[in-house]
Protein backbone atom coordinates (compact mmCIF):
# COMPACT_ATOMS: atom_id res chain seq x y z
CA MET A 1 -30.79 40.76 14.57
CA ASP A 2 -32.80 37.63 12.55
CA ASP A 3 -36.03 37.38 14.40
CA ARG A 4 -36.87 34.18 12.43
CA LYS A 5 -35.00 32.16 14.66
CA TYR A 6 -37.01 33.37 17.82
CA PHE A 7 -40.69 33.07 16.27
CA THR A 8 -41.93 29.72 15.01
CA MET A 9 -45.63 29.10 14.00
CA ARG A 10 -47.86 26.63 15.63
CA TYR A 11 -51.02 25.57 13.85
CA THR A 12 -54.77 24.42 15.13
CA TYR A 13 -57.77 23.55 13.30
CA ASP A 14 -61.50 24.65 13.84
CA ILE A 15 -64.68 23.31 12.29
CA VAL A 16 -66.59 26.13 11.03
CA ASP A 17 -70.20 26.25 9.91
CA THR A 18 -70.29 27.38 6.12
CA ALA A 19 -73.83 28.75 6.42
CA SER A 20 -73.45 31.16 9.55
CA ASN A 21 -69.61 31.18 9.79
CA THR A 22 -69.28 30.22 13.20
CA ILE A 23 -67.06 28.07 14.79
CA LEU A 24 -68.44 24.67 15.68
CA GLU A 25 -65.59 23.07 17.22
CA SER A 26 -61.80 24.29 17.63
CA GLY A 27 -58.29 23.45 18.48
CA PHE A 28 -57.76 20.39 16.67
CA SER A 29 -53.96 19.51 16.43
CA SER A 30 -54.41 18.38 12.74
CA GLU A 31 -56.60 18.96 9.86
CA GLU A 32 -57.05 14.86 9.61
CA GLU A 33 -58.35 15.29 13.80
CA ALA A 34 -60.87 17.79 12.68
CA TYR A 35 -62.24 15.77 9.59
CA VAL A 36 -62.61 12.54 11.91
CA TYR A 37 -64.43 14.57 14.46
CA ALA A 38 -67.04 16.08 11.95
CA GLN A 39 -67.52 12.60 10.36
CA HIS A 40 -68.02 10.91 13.78
CA PHE A 41 -70.61 13.82 14.76
CA GLN A 42 -71.91 13.81 11.42
CA ILE A 43 -71.56 17.65 10.99
CA LEU A 44 -72.90 18.57 7.76
CA ASN A 45 -71.97 21.99 5.67
CA TYR A 46 -68.60 22.84 7.39
CA THR A 47 -65.37 23.57 6.47
CA ILE A 48 -62.02 23.27 8.10
CA VAL A 49 -59.81 26.42 9.00
CA LYS A 50 -56.27 26.48 9.47
CA ARG A 51 -55.23 29.00 12.53
CA GLU A 52 -51.62 30.32 13.05
CA HIS A 53 -50.30 30.90 16.44
CA PRO A 54 -46.86 32.56 17.16
CA THR A 55 -44.86 31.40 19.32
CA VAL A 56 -41.49 32.80 20.69
CA THR A 57 -38.63 30.76 21.84
CA GLY A 58 -35.02 31.58 22.71
CA LEU A 59 -35.88 35.21 24.87
CA GLY A 60 -36.17 33.57 28.27
CA ARG A 61 -33.32 33.55 30.96
CA ASP A 62 -30.00 32.76 30.00
CA PRO A 63 -28.68 30.09 32.42
CA ASP A 64 -25.03 31.06 31.81
CA LEU A 65 -25.58 34.57 33.36
CA HIS A 66 -26.88 33.24 36.58
């Protein structure tokens, strides 16, 4: 069975303080959105971290069987 067709990755982006390594804000849908947020609130000394979230598709109820 080829598992690759059932698993896809979803990505979110976090703003992390570089000095304390703590997450300041999280859950942005794009790197650009995180960057704009950091610029708007004048956050200094930060890095944007990309997080992977696996999603599963195709393993639910088969409507043809019911």
